[in-house]
């Protein structure tokens, strides 16, 4: 089973989160963001990407895959760019998924 970061929920690689910088070392737990942001600005397990921004990008530039580049999914962004949003079908599906809140970023976190 894949180890998840207790701060942001992204996958941990070798006791360090590549998304938020959280590390685990011999019972010392620290986060890169712990000193930079007040605690109330961190939402655990939720992406730092904005749902409204992703939705607007998808509606207006979804055929070019801009919303996929925004959330960090460059591979499918290139696919959408080359195929016109996978012939428009993927574009429509993404609009619905973003609007209903089931669209995820590159770290498999829901958009905020």
Protein backbone atom coordinates (compact mmCIF):
# COMPACT_ATOMS: atom_id res chain seq x y z
CA UNK A 1 0.00 0.00 0.00
CA UNK A 2 1.27 3.43 -0.92
CA UNK A 3 2.24 5.67 1.99
CA UNK A 4 0.36 9.00 2.05
CA UNK A 5 1.57 12.31 3.49
CA UNK A 6 -0.27 13.17 6.74
CA UNK A 7 -0.15 16.89 5.83
CA UNK A 8 -1.45 17.04 2.25
CA UNK A 9 -2.41 13.46 1.38
CA UNK A 10 -0.03 13.11 -1.59
CA UNK A 11 2.11 10.01 -2.07
CA UNK A 12 5.30 9.88 0.02
CA UNK A 13 8.60 8.97 -1.65
CA UNK A 14 11.41 7.83 0.65
CA UNK A 15 9.93 9.48 3.79
CA UNK A 16 9.47 12.83 2.01
CA UNK A 17 6.45 14.36 0.33
CA UNK A 18 7.34 15.86 -3.04
CA UNK A 19 4.19 18.00 -2.94
CA UNK A 20 4.39 19.87 0.38
CA UNK A 21 7.91 18.99 1.59
CA UNK A 22 6.84 17.10 4.74
CA UNK A 23 9.57 14.73 6.00
CA UNK A 24 9.76 11.96 8.58
CA UNK A 25 13.15 11.44 10.22
CA UNK A 26 13.61 9.47 13.44
CA UNK A 27 10.42 10.70 15.11
CA UNK A 28 11.08 14.29 14.00
CA UNK A 29 8.23 15.42 11.82
CA UNK A 30 8.35 18.76 10.06
CA UNK A 31 6.76 20.46 7.10
CA UNK A 32 8.16 23.10 4.78
CA UNK A 33 4.91 25.03 5.11
CA UNK A 34 4.68 24.91 8.91
CA UNK A 35 6.61 28.16 9.32
CA UNK A 36 5.53 29.92 6.13
CA UNK A 37 1.73 29.67 6.39
CA UNK A 38 -0.61 29.95 9.35
CA UNK A 39 -2.22 26.63 10.28
CA UNK A 40 -5.69 27.70 9.17
CA UNK A 41 -4.52 28.13 5.54
CA UNK A 42 -3.47 24.47 5.12
CA UNK A 43 -6.25 22.11 4.12
CA UNK A 44 -5.14 18.52 4.64
CA UNK A 45 -5.74 16.11 1.77
CA UNK A 46 -6.97 18.81 -0.63
CA UNK A 47 -5.06 20.05 -3.68
CA UNK A 48 -3.62 23.54 -3.76
CA UNK A 49 -5.17 23.99 -7.22
CA UNK A 50 -8.43 25.94 -7.42
CA UNK A 51 -11.58 24.24 -8.72
CA UNK A 52 -13.06 27.46 -10.16
CA UNK A 53 -9.88 28.25 -12.09
CA UNK A 54 -9.75 24.71 -13.46
CA UNK A 55 -13.42 24.89 -14.48
CA UNK A 56 -13.00 28.21 -16.31
CA UNK A 57 -9.88 26.96 -18.07
CA UNK A 58 -11.72 23.80 -19.06
CA UNK A 59 -14.77 25.63 -20.39
CA UNK A 60 -12.84 28.16 -22.47
CA UNK A 61 -9.59 26.31 -23.33
CA UNK A 62 -10.46 22.68 -22.61
CA UNK A 63 -10.02 21.60 -26.20
CA UNK A 64 -6.37 22.59 -25.86
CA UNK A 65 -5.96 20.75 -22.54
CA UNK A 66 -4.98 23.89 -20.60
CA UNK A 67 -6.93 22.76 -17.50
CA UNK A 68 -4.95 19.50 -17.47
CA UNK A 69 -1.64 21.37 -17.61
CA UNK A 70 -2.91 23.59 -14.75
CA UNK A 71 -3.49 20.61 -12.41
CA UNK A 72 -0.16 19.02 -13.36
CA UNK A 73 -1.35 16.34 -15.76
CA UNK A 74 0.99 17.26 -18.63
CA UNK A 75 0.73 13.89 -20.39
CA UNK A 76 -3.02 14.07 -20.88
CA UNK A 77 -2.68 17.80 -21.54
CA UNK A 78 -0.58 17.02 -24.59
CA UNK A 79 -3.09 14.34 -25.63
CA UNK A 80 -5.95 16.87 -25.40
CA UNK A 81 -3.87 19.42 -27.31
CA UNK A 82 -3.23 17.00 -30.18
CA UNK A 83 -6.76 15.55 -30.37
CA UNK A 84 -8.96 18.56 -29.62
CA UNK A 85 -9.93 17.38 -26.15
CA UNK A 86 -10.14 13.78 -27.41
CA UNK A 87 -12.63 14.86 -30.06
CA UNK A 88 -14.59 16.96 -27.57
CA UNK A 89 -15.84 13.99 -25.55
CA UNK A 90 -13.09 14.14 -22.92
CA UNK A 91 -13.54 17.90 -22.73
CA UNK A 92 -17.25 17.58 -21.85
CA UNK A 93 -16.52 14.80 -19.33
CA UNK A 94 -13.87 16.97 -17.65
CA UNK A 95 -16.28 19.93 -17.37
CA UNK A 96 -18.79 17.68 -15.59
CA UNK A 97 -16.12 16.10 -13.34
CA UNK A 98 -14.70 19.48 -12.31
CA UNK A 99 -18.16 20.95 -11.69
CA UNK A 100 -19.22 17.99 -9.54
CA UNK A 101 -15.96 17.99 -7.57
CA UNK A 102 -14.62 14.59 -8.65
CA UNK A 103 -11.66 15.88 -10.73
CA UNK A 104 -8.23 15.25 -9.17
CA UNK A 105 -4.77 16.77 -9.61
CA UNK A 106 -1.48 15.01 -10.39
CA UNK A 107 -1.17 13.81 -6.77
CA UNK A 108 -4.69 12.31 -6.81
CA UNK A 109 -6.01 15.08 -4.53
CA UNK A 110 -9.41 16.72 -5.00
CA UNK A 111 -9.34 20.35 -6.14
CA UNK A 112 -10.26 22.97 -3.54
